[in-house]
Amino acid sequence: MHSKFILSLCATFSLFCLSVSRGVDGHGSVTHRSTTLGKRENDPPPSRHGKLSFTQTANVTRVTINNPPINLLTTELISDLFDFLVWTQPGPDKTTPKVVIFSSALPDFFISHFDLKNLASPDGQTALIQLVDCGRLLQNITSTAFIAEVNGRTFGGGQELNSQMDMRFAGPNAMVSQYENSCGFVAQAGGQISLAPIIGKARALEHLLASKQINAQQGTDLGLFNTNYPDADTLRREVDALAARIGLFSQKALNDTKFSLAFMSPTPQQLDQQIVDFSPIAALPESQGVIRQVLKDSDESHNDFEKNIPNSVLHSLYKQELDAMDGQGKHVMDAVSMGGSVHTRGYGYPW
């Protein structure tokens, strides 16, 4: 797909998301618009592809993601996520949830990577743009706080969405990785430019360039997770309690607070450019060869390859180079984790 067409399509989505999330004045600039605190609209519509289910209280919506076997970011799951986020946007005579919690029905995976089988197809290109707009909506909808309840693996595109939530809480099975560099790609859905303000430029580069993974405790030390909990029950109980507490307070105050911090989010232009840069890379013959090899070894199924994908990809694509390193090859494989306890959190900016 031609890059100019992609950029045009991105800009259309961007303007749509900004206009309905915060309001656009007659001059086309983004304006602050607090939500209408009236009668609540109907519950979320059932997801068209059945990948999401919803539990509602007065102020909180829990979204459970269920796309077995690994919550792969298929076109259907992305479509359902996008439809739901569009529904959460404020409008006249409509109130929206004060808090949305995203959790998973699968014990080993929160949200996995983009469906590689579909990466280079026209439908896949459209889904990539829609994935970017899911992140855009997460950041632009200022009337709702979005919380990720992570107690499984979240890799690739799943981690890009995770890093764009307002808050993230981890259980003992949480494991995240932005592993695209090991495949010769880059994170294209806002993950790179969202991660650096959270954990700092140097730590973000270590994670991204070396395709490392971060567990629950390391993520908490880095500031990626707000807190981690020792078991799934405690994680859910504490996240529910936090959401209920936030839900007690004024939605206008919530809206104004999120809006005041919106300057920390990637700009629409930055998000659009990531897709423009990514699409030609994905279409290269060598990139297609990488995809075929990874699919051959993983089959995008619930297996050890997918559960340990940062090192699985390294072993699959670079076995000859690792073997040539003799003893050092094992050390390179063992260097998959972000090591050490981090005592200072990365609130800085990359500039």
Protein backbone atom coordinates (compact mmCIF):
# COMPACT_ATOMS: atom_id res chain seq x y z
CA MET A 1 0.00 0.00 0.00
CA HIS A 2 1.41 3.36 -1.01
CA SER A 3 2.72 5.46 1.87
CA LYS A 4 0.83 8.59 0.75
CA PHE A 5 -2.44 6.67 0.85
CA ILE A 6 -1.59 5.30 4.30
CA LEU A 7 -0.78 8.78 5.57
CA SER A 8 -4.07 10.12 4.16
CA LEU A 9 -6.03 7.30 5.81
CA CYS A 10 -4.21 7.84 9.10
CA ALA A 11 -5.02 11.54 9.03
CA THR A 12 -8.71 10.79 8.45
CA PHE A 13 -8.82 8.41 11.41
CA SER A 14 -6.85 10.89 13.52
CA LEU A 15 -9.22 13.77 12.85
CA PHE A 16 -12.22 11.53 13.53
CA CYS A 17 -10.85 10.32 16.87
CA LEU A 18 -9.86 13.79 18.04
CA SER A 19 -13.13 15.40 17.01
CA VAL A 20 -15.38 12.96 18.82
CA SER A 21 -13.18 12.47 21.88
CA ARG A 22 -12.55 16.10 22.88
CA GLY A 23 -14.47 18.17 20.40
CA VAL A 24 -13.16 20.27 17.53
CA ASP A 25 -14.05 23.91 17.13
CA GLY A 26 -14.86 25.62 13.86
CA HIS A 27 -11.19 26.31 13.22
CA GLY A 28 -10.22 22.65 13.45
CA SER A 29 -8.29 22.92 16.71
CA VAL A 30 -8.69 20.51 19.61
CA THR A 31 -10.82 21.98 22.37
CA HIS A 32 -11.65 20.90 25.90
CA ARG A 33 -15.15 19.54 26.29
CA SER A 34 -16.24 17.94 29.55
CA THR A 35 -18.69 15.06 29.37
CA THR A 36 -22.42 15.40 29.86
CA LEU A 37 -23.43 14.01 33.23
CA GLY A 38 -26.92 12.84 32.39
CA LYS A 39 -28.70 9.55 31.97
CA ARG A 40 -26.40 6.68 31.15
CA GLU A 41 -26.71 5.32 27.63
CA ASN A 42 -27.25 1.61 27.02
CA ASP A 43 -24.65 -0.94 27.98
CA PRO A 44 -21.83 -1.54 25.47
CA PRO A 45 -23.15 -3.27 22.38
CA PRO A 46 -22.14 -6.94 22.12
CA SER A 47 -18.81 -7.24 20.33
CA ARG A 48 -19.42 -8.06 16.68
CA HIS A 49 -16.87 -10.85 16.62
CA GLY A 50 -17.42 -12.09 20.18
CA LYS A 51 -13.88 -11.33 21.36
CA LEU A 52 -14.91 -9.09 24.29
CA SER A 53 -17.37 -9.45 27.14
CA PHE A 54 -18.50 -6.74 29.53
CA THR A 55 -19.38 -6.45 33.21
CA GLN A 56 -20.98 -3.17 34.29
CA THR A 57 -21.45 -1.31 37.53
CA ALA A 58 -22.70 2.25 37.88
CA ASN A 59 -19.33 3.84 37.06
CA VAL A 60 -17.01 1.02 35.99
CA THR A 61 -16.93 -1.26 32.94
CA ARG A 62 -14.76 -4.38 33.03
CA VAL A 63 -13.77 -5.64 29.57
CA THR A 64 -12.65 -9.26 29.37
CA ILE A 65 -10.59 -10.15 26.29
CA ASN A 66 -11.13 -13.70 25.03
CA ASN A 67 -9.50 -14.63 21.73
CA PRO A 68 -7.98 -18.06 22.36
CA PRO A 69 -5.51 -19.55 22.28
CA ILE A 70 -3.23 -16.54 22.96
CA ASN A 71 -5.36 -13.37 22.56
CA LEU A 72 -3.67 -12.78 19.23
CA LEU A 73 -4.35 -9.33 17.75
CA THR A 74 -6.41 -10.59 14.85
CA THR A 75 -8.46 -8.28 12.65
CA GLU A 76 -11.54 -9.42 14.59
CA LEU A 77 -10.13 -8.62 18.03
CA ILE A 78 -8.81 -5.24 16.86
CA SER A 79 -12.21 -4.45 15.33
CA ASP A 80 -14.01 -5.31 18.58
CA LEU A 81 -11.58 -3.22 20.65
CA PHE A 82 -11.98 -0.28 18.29
CA ASP A 83 -15.80 -0.51 18.33
CA PHE A 84 -15.82 -0.55 22.13
CA LEU A 85 -13.49 2.44 22.42
CA VAL A 86 -15.61 4.39 19.97
CA TRP A 87 -18.61 3.60 22.20
CA THR A 88 -16.83 5.04 25.25
CA GLN A 89 -16.50 8.47 23.64
CA PRO A 90 -18.58 11.24 25.24
CA GLY A 91 -21.43 12.98 23.48
CA PRO A 92 -24.50 15.13 24.12
CA ASP A 93 -27.00 13.54 26.54
CA LYS A 94 -24.66 10.61 27.04
CA THR A 95 -22.57 9.56 30.01
CA THR A 96 -19.73 7.14 29.73
CA PRO A 97 -17.92 4.87 32.21
CA LYS A 98 -15.63 6.73 34.54
CA VAL A 99 -13.29 3.74 34.58
CA VAL A 100 -12.67 0.88 32.15
CA ILE A 101 -10.66 -2.16 33.26
CA PHE A 102 -9.17 -4.45 30.61
CA SER A 103 -8.48 -8.03 31.71
CA SER A 104 -8.05 -11.40 30.03
CA ALA A 105 -10.01 -14.64 30.14
CA LEU A 106 -6.81 -16.58 29.38
CA PRO A 107 -4.41 -17.43 32.23
CA ASP A 108 -1.17 -17.18 30.23
CA PHE A 109 -1.80 -14.21 27.94
CA PHE A 110 -3.13 -10.67 28.38
CA ILE A 111 -2.84 -9.44 24.76
CA SER A 112 -0.40 -10.99 22.33
CA HIS A 113 1.17 -9.62 19.16
CA PHE A 114 -0.37 -8.73 15.80
CA ASP A 115 -1.46 -11.63 13.60
CA LEU A 116 1.61 -12.16 11.41
CA LYS A 117 -0.34 -14.27 8.93
CA ASN A 118 -2.25 -11.15 8.00
CA LEU A 119 0.51 -8.55 8.21
CA ALA A 120 1.10 -7.79 4.53
CA SER A 121 -2.48 -8.22 3.28
CA PRO A 122 -4.81 -5.27 2.58
CA ASP A 123 -6.99 -6.33 5.52
CA GLY A 124 -3.89 -6.48 7.69
CA GLN A 125 -2.81 -2.98 6.67
CA THR A 126 -6.25 -1.66 7.54
CA ALA A 127 -6.13 -3.48 10.88
CA LEU A 128 -2.72 -1.94 11.66
CA ILE A 129 -4.17 1.52 11.16
CA GLN A 130 -7.16 0.61 13.34
CA LEU A 131 -4.75 -0.68 16.02
CA VAL A 132 -3.01 2.69 16.05
CA ASP A 133 -6.38 4.35 16.44
CA CYS A 134 -7.21 2.13 19.42
CA GLY A 135 -4.15 3.63 21.10
CA ARG A 136 -5.15 7.08 19.94
CA LEU A 137 -8.59 6.66 21.51
CA LEU A 138 -7.13 5.35 24.77
CA GLN A 139 -5.13 8.55 25.07
CA ASN A 140 -7.61 11.05 23.63
CA ILE A 141 -10.72 10.00 25.57
CA THR A 142 -10.21 12.14 28.65
CA SER A 143 -13.55 11.35 30.33
CA THR A 144 -12.59 7.75 31.18
CA ALA A 145 -9.63 6.24 33.02
CA PHE A 146 -8.34 3.09 31.30
CA ILE A 147 -6.69 0.45 33.50
CA ALA A 148 -4.81 -2.67 32.34
CA GLU A 149 -5.05 -5.65 34.69
CA VAL A 150 -2.16 -7.76 33.41
CA ASN A 151 -1.62 -11.31 34.63
CA GLY A 152 -0.18 -12.93 31.53
CA ARG A 153 2.07 -12.23 28.61
CA THR A 154 1.61 -9.10 26.54
CA PHE A 155 3.90 -8.95 23.53
CA GLY A 156 4.34 -6.78 20.46
CA GLY A 157 1.14 -4.95 19.55
CA GLY A 158 -0.46 -6.04 22.81
CA GLN A 159 2.28 -4.30 24.76
CA GLU A 160 1.80 -1.20 22.60
CA LEU A 161 -1.82 -1.00 23.77
CA ASN A 162 -0.79 -1.80 27.35
CA SER A 163 1.72 1.06 27.45
CA GLN A 164 -0.97 3.50 26.28
CA MET A 165 -3.38 2.71 29.12
CA ASP A 166 -3.63 5.25 31.93
CA MET A 167 -2.56 2.73 34.59
CA ARG A 168 -1.19 -0.81 34.58
CA PHE A 169 -1.28 -3.36 37.42
CA ALA A 170 0.45 -6.73 37.32
CA GLY A 171 -0.12 -10.20 38.68
CA PRO A 172 2.59 -12.85 39.13
CA ASN A 173 2.28 -14.11 35.53
CA ALA A 174 2.74 -10.70 33.90
CA MET A 175 5.45 -10.55 31.26
CA VAL A 176 5.81 -7.85 28.61
CA SER A 177 8.07 -7.44 25.60
CA GLN A 178 8.36 -5.11 22.64
CA TYR A 179 10.35 -7.65 20.63
CA GLU A 180 9.89 -6.28 17.08
CA ASN A 181 13.56 -5.29 16.61
CA SER A 182 14.61 -8.95 16.75
CA CYS A 183 12.44 -9.52 13.66
CA GLY A 184 13.86 -6.51 11.83
CA PHE A 185 10.69 -4.47 12.43
CA VAL A 186 9.82 -1.58 14.70
CA ALA A 187 6.86 -1.12 17.02
CA GLN A 188 4.38 0.82 14.89
CA ALA A 189 1.26 1.35 17.02
CA GLY A 190 2.60 3.95 19.46
CA GLY A 191 4.50 1.57 21.73
CA GLN A 192 7.97 3.06 21.27
CA ILE A 193 7.01 6.70 21.73
CA SER A 194 4.71 5.86 24.65
CA LEU A 195 7.27 3.75 26.51
CA ALA A 196 10.10 6.29 26.80
CA PRO A 197 8.15 8.83 28.90
CA ILE A 198 7.14 6.01 31.26
CA ILE A 199 10.47 4.30 31.94
CA GLY A 200 12.97 6.81 30.51
CA LYS A 201 14.83 6.93 27.21
CA ALA A 202 17.82 4.77 28.17
CA ARG A 203 15.73 1.96 29.68
CA ALA A 204 13.30 2.12 26.75
CA LEU A 205 16.18 1.77 24.29
CA GLU A 206 17.58 -1.21 26.24
CA HIS A 207 14.17 -2.88 26.13
CA LEU A 208 13.43 -2.07 22.47
CA LEU A 209 16.83 -2.51 20.81
CA ALA A 210 17.68 -5.77 22.61
CA SER A 211 14.10 -7.11 22.45
CA LYS A 212 14.15 -7.78 26.18
CA GLN A 213 11.28 -8.80 28.40
CA ILE A 214 10.05 -7.33 31.68
CA ASN A 215 8.36 -9.30 34.45
CA ALA A 216 5.95 -8.02 37.08
CA GLN A 217 8.55 -6.95 39.66
CA GLN A 218 10.93 -5.45 37.11
CA GLY A 219 8.03 -3.59 35.52
CA THR A 220 7.02 -2.16 38.88
CA ASP A 221 10.61 -1.10 39.62
CA LEU A 222 10.77 0.61 36.24
CA GLY A 223 7.44 2.38 36.67
CA LEU A 224 5.77 0.48 33.82
CA PHE A 225 3.40 -1.15 36.32
CA ASN A 226 1.87 0.92 39.11
CA THR A 227 2.00 -2.07 41.45
CA ASN A 228 2.31 -5.85 41.24
CA TYR A 229 0.37 -8.34 43.37
CA PRO A 230 1.23 -11.87 44.51
CA ASP A 231 -1.83 -13.63 43.07
CA ALA A 232 -4.67 -13.14 40.62
CA ASP A 233 -7.36 -12.76 43.28
CA THR A 234 -5.52 -9.95 45.06
CA LEU A 235 -4.80 -8.25 41.73
CA ARG A 236 -8.47 -8.25 40.77
CA ARG A 237 -9.68 -7.20 44.22
CA GLU A 238 -7.27 -4.26 44.42
CA VAL A 239 -7.93 -3.07 40.87
CA ASP A 240 -11.69 -3.28 41.47
CA ALA A 241 -11.33 -1.27 44.67
CA LEU A 242 -9.24 1.42 42.94
CA ALA A 243 -11.71 1.67 40.07
CA ALA A 244 -14.66 1.93 42.45
CA ARG A 245 -12.90 4.69 44.40
CA ILE A 246 -12.18 6.68 41.23
CA GLY A 247 -15.77 6.10 40.17
CA LEU A 248 -17.08 7.90 43.27
CA PHE A 249 -15.66 11.22 42.16
CA SER A 250 -16.77 13.83 39.64
CA GLN A 251 -16.35 12.85 35.99
CA LYS A 252 -15.61 16.46 35.14
CA ALA A 253 -12.66 16.39 37.56
CA LEU A 254 -11.48 13.15 35.99
CA ASN A 255 -11.84 14.67 32.52
CA ASP A 256 -9.94 17.84 33.42
CA THR A 257 -7.14 15.91 35.14
CA LYS A 258 -6.58 13.59 32.18
CA PHE A 259 -6.78 16.48 29.76
CA SER A 260 -4.14 18.42 31.70
CA LEU A 261 -1.70 15.51 31.24
CA ALA A 262 -2.50 14.94 27.57
CA PHE A 263 0.68 16.76 26.54
CA MET A 264 2.59 13.64 27.62
CA SER A 265 0.93 11.53 24.91
CA PRO A 266 2.32 11.04 21.38
CA THR A 267 1.02 13.51 18.84
CA PRO A 268 -1.25 12.33 15.99
CA GLN A 269 1.53 13.18 13.56
CA GLN A 270 3.99 10.93 15.43
CA LEU A 271 1.53 8.03 15.38
CA ASP A 272 0.77 8.50 11.69
CA GLN A 273 4.45 8.59 10.77
CA GLN A 274 5.10 5.29 12.55
CA ILE A 275 2.69 3.48 10.21
CA VAL A 276 4.14 5.20 7.15
CA ASP A 277 7.63 4.07 8.19
CA PHE A 278 6.54 0.53 9.13
CA SER A 279 4.50 -0.54 6.11
CA PRO A 280 7.34 -0.55 3.53
CA ILE A 281 9.53 -2.55 5.94
CA ALA A 282 6.85 -5.22 6.37
CA ALA A 283 6.56 -5.60 2.60
CA LEU A 284 10.29 -6.24 2.00
CA PRO A 285 11.22 -9.77 0.80
CA GLU A 286 13.56 -10.28 3.78
CA SER A 287 10.75 -9.25 6.15
CA GLN A 288 8.42 -11.75 4.54
CA GLY A 289 11.11 -14.39 5.01
CA VAL A 290 11.31 -13.58 8.72
CA ILE A 291 7.54 -13.82 9.03
CA ARG A 292 7.48 -17.22 7.31
CA GLN A 293 10.20 -18.56 9.61
CA VAL A 294 8.53 -17.28 12.79
CA LEU A 295 5.14 -18.64 11.69
CA LYS A 296 6.70 -22.01 10.90
CA ASP A 297 8.16 -22.25 14.40
CA SER A 298 5.27 -20.69 16.34
CA ASP A 299 2.06 -21.34 14.39
CA GLU A 300 0.71 -18.52 16.61
CA SER A 301 -0.50 -21.20 19.03
CA HIS A 302 -0.34 -21.75 22.78
CA ASN A 303 3.15 -23.22 22.95
CA ASP A 304 6.59 -22.59 24.43
CA PHE A 305 7.63 -20.49 21.42
CA GLU A 306 4.82 -17.99 21.97
CA LYS A 307 5.15 -18.04 25.76
CA ASN A 308 8.84 -17.09 25.51
CA ILE A 309 8.78 -15.18 22.24
CA PRO A 310 11.71 -12.75 22.81
CA ASN A 311 14.21 -15.63 23.10
CA SER A 312 12.25 -17.92 20.77
CA VAL A 313 12.65 -15.45 17.92
CA LEU A 314 16.31 -14.94 18.78
CA HIS A 315 16.95 -18.70 18.63
CA SER A 316 14.84 -19.15 15.49
CA LEU A 317 16.45 -16.39 13.44
CA TYR A 318 19.97 -16.17 14.85
CA LYS A 319 20.89 -19.74 15.88
CA GLN A 320 23.92 -19.87 13.58
CA GLU A 321 25.30 -16.60 14.93
CA LEU A 322 24.67 -17.66 18.53
CA ASP A 323 26.38 -21.02 17.99
CA ALA A 324 29.42 -19.23 16.54
CA MET A 325 29.79 -17.30 19.80
CA ASP A 326 30.54 -20.53 21.72
CA GLY A 327 29.95 -19.93 25.43
CA GLN A 328 28.97 -16.30 24.95
CA GLY A 329 25.93 -17.32 22.92
CA LYS A 330 24.27 -18.73 26.03
CA HIS A 331 25.01 -15.51 27.89
CA VAL A 332 23.39 -13.51 25.09
CA MET A 333 20.29 -15.72 25.33
CA ASP A 334 20.26 -15.36 29.13
CA ALA A 335 20.36 -11.54 28.81
CA VAL A 336 16.69 -11.48 27.78
CA SER A 337 15.43 -9.86 31.00
CA MET A 338 15.77 -6.28 32.13
CA GLY A 339 18.19 -6.96 34.95
CA GLY A 340 18.54 -5.55 38.42
CA SER A 341 16.30 -3.58 40.71
CA VAL A 342 15.67 -0.07 39.51
CA HIS A 343 15.54 2.51 42.27
CA THR A 344 14.77 5.56 40.15
CA ARG A 345 11.73 5.65 37.93
CA GLY A 346 11.85 7.03 34.41
CA TYR A 347 9.55 10.01 34.41
CA GLY A 348 11.86 11.89 32.04
CA TYR A 349 11.30 12.63 28.40
CA PRO A 350 13.41 11.41 25.47
CA TRP A 351 14.29 14.96 24.46
